[in-house]
Amino acid sequence: MRFDTKIAVLLREDLETWQRLNVTAFLVSGLGPSVPEVVGEPYADADGVGYLPMFRQPVLVFEGTKETLTAAHGKAVSRALPRALFTSDLFTTGNDRDNRAAVRAVPTAELDLVGLAVYGPRNAVDKVVKGARMHP
């Protein structure tokens, strides 16, 4: 099945493995509640044990330089695409309230981005992640 939309996560290439996993998990957690059409139906196994619903389509993970991330962020904002961000400051906080305060304290142009999740029409998301490469 080919979707007319795309979910993309863009990570800064200099992150440690644990940081990549942590950032990806946090970023995609923002999409489901804000863009409910990306979430499929709940799962159940043959014994009737239920499981939470997941995204209805693949999540493509990319990596790029700090400059690539900054450019992608600008494109996502200018296109008004649903997006989530993760800044380097969030590695030092321990809860949602402090995370939001850390982001709010920095002007947009000065955000030290380490991750960005974007959802939208395929063509628009492709333009946002242009210059990034698929995560190995």
Protein backbone atom coordinates (compact mmCIF):
# COMPACT_ATOMS: atom_id res chain seq x y z
CA MET A 1 0.00 0.00 0.00
CA ARG A 2 1.34 3.45 -0.91
CA PHE A 3 0.29 6.28 1.38
CA ASP A 4 -0.23 9.82 0.13
CA THR A 5 1.23 11.04 3.42
CA LYS A 6 4.56 10.49 5.12
CA ILE A 7 5.88 10.36 8.66
CA ALA A 8 9.56 11.31 8.83
CA VAL A 9 11.98 11.62 11.71
CA LEU A 10 15.21 13.54 11.13
CA LEU A 11 18.03 13.03 13.62
CA ARG A 12 21.28 14.93 13.94
CA GLU A 13 24.08 12.66 12.77
CA ASP A 14 26.35 13.20 15.81
CA LEU A 15 24.00 11.65 18.38
CA GLU A 16 24.94 8.59 20.41
CA THR A 17 22.87 5.45 19.77
CA TRP A 18 20.91 5.80 23.02
CA GLN A 19 20.16 9.41 22.14
CA ARG A 20 18.88 8.47 18.67
CA LEU A 21 16.48 5.95 20.16
CA ASN A 22 15.33 8.27 22.93
CA VAL A 23 14.81 11.24 20.59
CA THR A 24 12.91 9.11 18.05
CA ALA A 25 10.59 7.74 20.72
CA PHE A 26 9.83 11.20 22.11
CA LEU A 27 9.31 12.76 18.68
CA VAL A 28 6.83 10.23 17.35
CA SER A 29 4.88 10.27 20.62
CA GLY A 30 3.70 13.75 19.69
CA LEU A 31 2.15 12.81 16.38
CA GLY A 32 -0.56 10.37 17.49
CA PRO A 33 -2.48 12.69 19.82
CA SER A 34 -2.16 15.67 17.48
CA VAL A 35 -2.78 13.91 14.17
CA PRO A 36 -5.20 11.07 15.02
CA GLU A 37 -5.51 9.89 11.41
CA VAL A 38 -1.96 8.49 11.61
CA VAL A 39 -3.03 5.95 14.24
CA GLY A 40 -4.56 2.64 13.20
CA GLU A 41 -6.88 0.33 15.10
CA PRO A 42 -6.01 -1.54 18.32
CA TYR A 43 -4.39 -4.97 18.02
CA ALA A 44 -5.44 -8.27 19.54
CA ASP A 45 -3.77 -11.65 19.48
CA ALA A 46 -5.50 -14.98 18.88
CA ASP A 47 -6.32 -15.28 22.59
CA GLY A 48 -8.07 -11.92 22.61
CA VAL A 49 -5.37 -10.08 24.55
CA GLY A 50 -5.53 -6.46 23.47
CA TYR A 51 -2.69 -4.14 22.51
CA LEU A 52 -2.48 -0.44 21.83
CA PRO A 53 -2.92 0.89 18.31
CA MET A 54 0.16 2.00 16.40
CA PHE A 55 0.82 4.18 13.39
CA ARG A 56 -0.98 2.97 10.28
CA GLN A 57 2.05 3.66 8.07
CA PRO A 58 5.83 3.34 8.27
CA VAL A 59 7.99 5.92 10.01
CA LEU A 60 11.00 6.83 7.89
CA VAL A 61 14.09 7.80 9.87
CA PHE A 62 16.71 10.12 8.36
CA GLU A 63 19.91 11.70 9.60
CA GLY A 64 21.73 14.86 8.73
CA THR A 65 23.96 17.64 9.91
CA LYS A 66 22.96 20.38 12.30
CA GLU A 67 22.52 22.63 9.25
CA THR A 68 20.28 20.08 7.53
CA LEU A 69 18.10 19.91 10.64
CA THR A 70 17.86 23.70 10.88
CA ALA A 71 16.85 23.95 7.21
CA ALA A 72 14.29 21.14 7.60
CA HIS A 73 12.79 22.85 10.62
CA GLY A 74 12.41 26.10 8.69
CA LYS A 75 10.70 24.29 5.82
CA ALA A 76 8.34 22.41 8.15
CA VAL A 77 7.37 25.63 9.92
CA SER A 78 6.90 27.58 6.68
CA ARG A 79 4.67 24.81 5.29
CA ALA A 80 2.73 24.63 8.58
CA LEU A 81 3.22 20.85 8.74
CA PRO A 82 2.50 19.03 12.00
CA ARG A 83 5.89 18.68 13.68
CA ALA A 84 7.63 17.77 16.92
CA LEU A 85 11.11 18.86 17.93
CA PHE A 86 13.80 17.76 20.33
CA THR A 87 16.58 20.13 21.34
CA SER A 88 19.87 19.32 23.02
CA ASP A 89 18.58 21.02 26.19
CA LEU A 90 16.02 18.24 26.64
CA PHE A 91 18.78 15.74 27.45
CA THR A 92 19.23 17.59 30.77
CA THR A 93 15.58 17.80 31.83
CA GLY A 94 13.59 15.04 33.41
CA ASN A 95 9.95 15.85 32.84
CA ASP A 96 7.45 17.36 30.42
CA ARG A 97 7.09 20.67 32.27
CA ASP A 98 10.85 21.30 32.22
CA ASN A 99 11.07 20.17 28.58
CA ARG A 100 8.47 22.72 27.51
CA ALA A 101 10.17 25.45 29.56
CA ALA A 102 13.54 24.66 27.98
CA VAL A 103 12.11 25.01 24.46
CA ARG A 104 10.13 28.14 25.34
CA ALA A 105 13.30 29.84 26.65
CA VAL A 106 15.03 29.79 23.24
CA PRO A 107 14.09 31.84 20.15
CA THR A 108 13.25 29.75 17.08
CA ALA A 109 16.40 30.72 15.18
CA GLU A 110 18.59 29.69 18.13
CA LEU A 111 17.11 26.25 18.86
CA ASP A 112 19.85 23.61 19.09
CA LEU A 113 17.88 20.94 17.24
CA VAL A 114 18.85 17.28 17.52
CA GLY A 115 15.61 15.82 16.18
CA LEU A 116 12.50 16.68 14.21
CA ALA A 117 9.41 14.66 13.34
CA VAL A 118 7.18 15.79 10.49
CA TYR A 119 3.90 14.53 9.06
CA GLY A 120 2.13 15.61 5.92
CA PRO A 121 1.67 15.07 2.20
CA ARG A 122 4.49 12.99 0.70
CA ASN A 123 5.79 15.77 -1.54
CA ALA A 124 5.86 18.33 1.27
CA VAL A 125 7.67 16.00 3.68
CA ASP A 126 10.14 15.01 0.94
CA LYS A 127 10.99 18.70 0.50
CA VAL A 128 11.46 19.12 4.25
CA VAL A 129 13.97 16.24 4.54
CA LYS A 130 15.76 17.05 1.28
CA GLY A 131 19.50 16.84 1.87
CA ALA A 132 19.16 14.25 4.64
CA ARG A 133 19.95 10.57 4.15
CA MET A 134 18.12 7.50 5.35
CA HIS A 135 19.33 6.37 8.76
CA PRO A 136 21.54 3.27 8.39
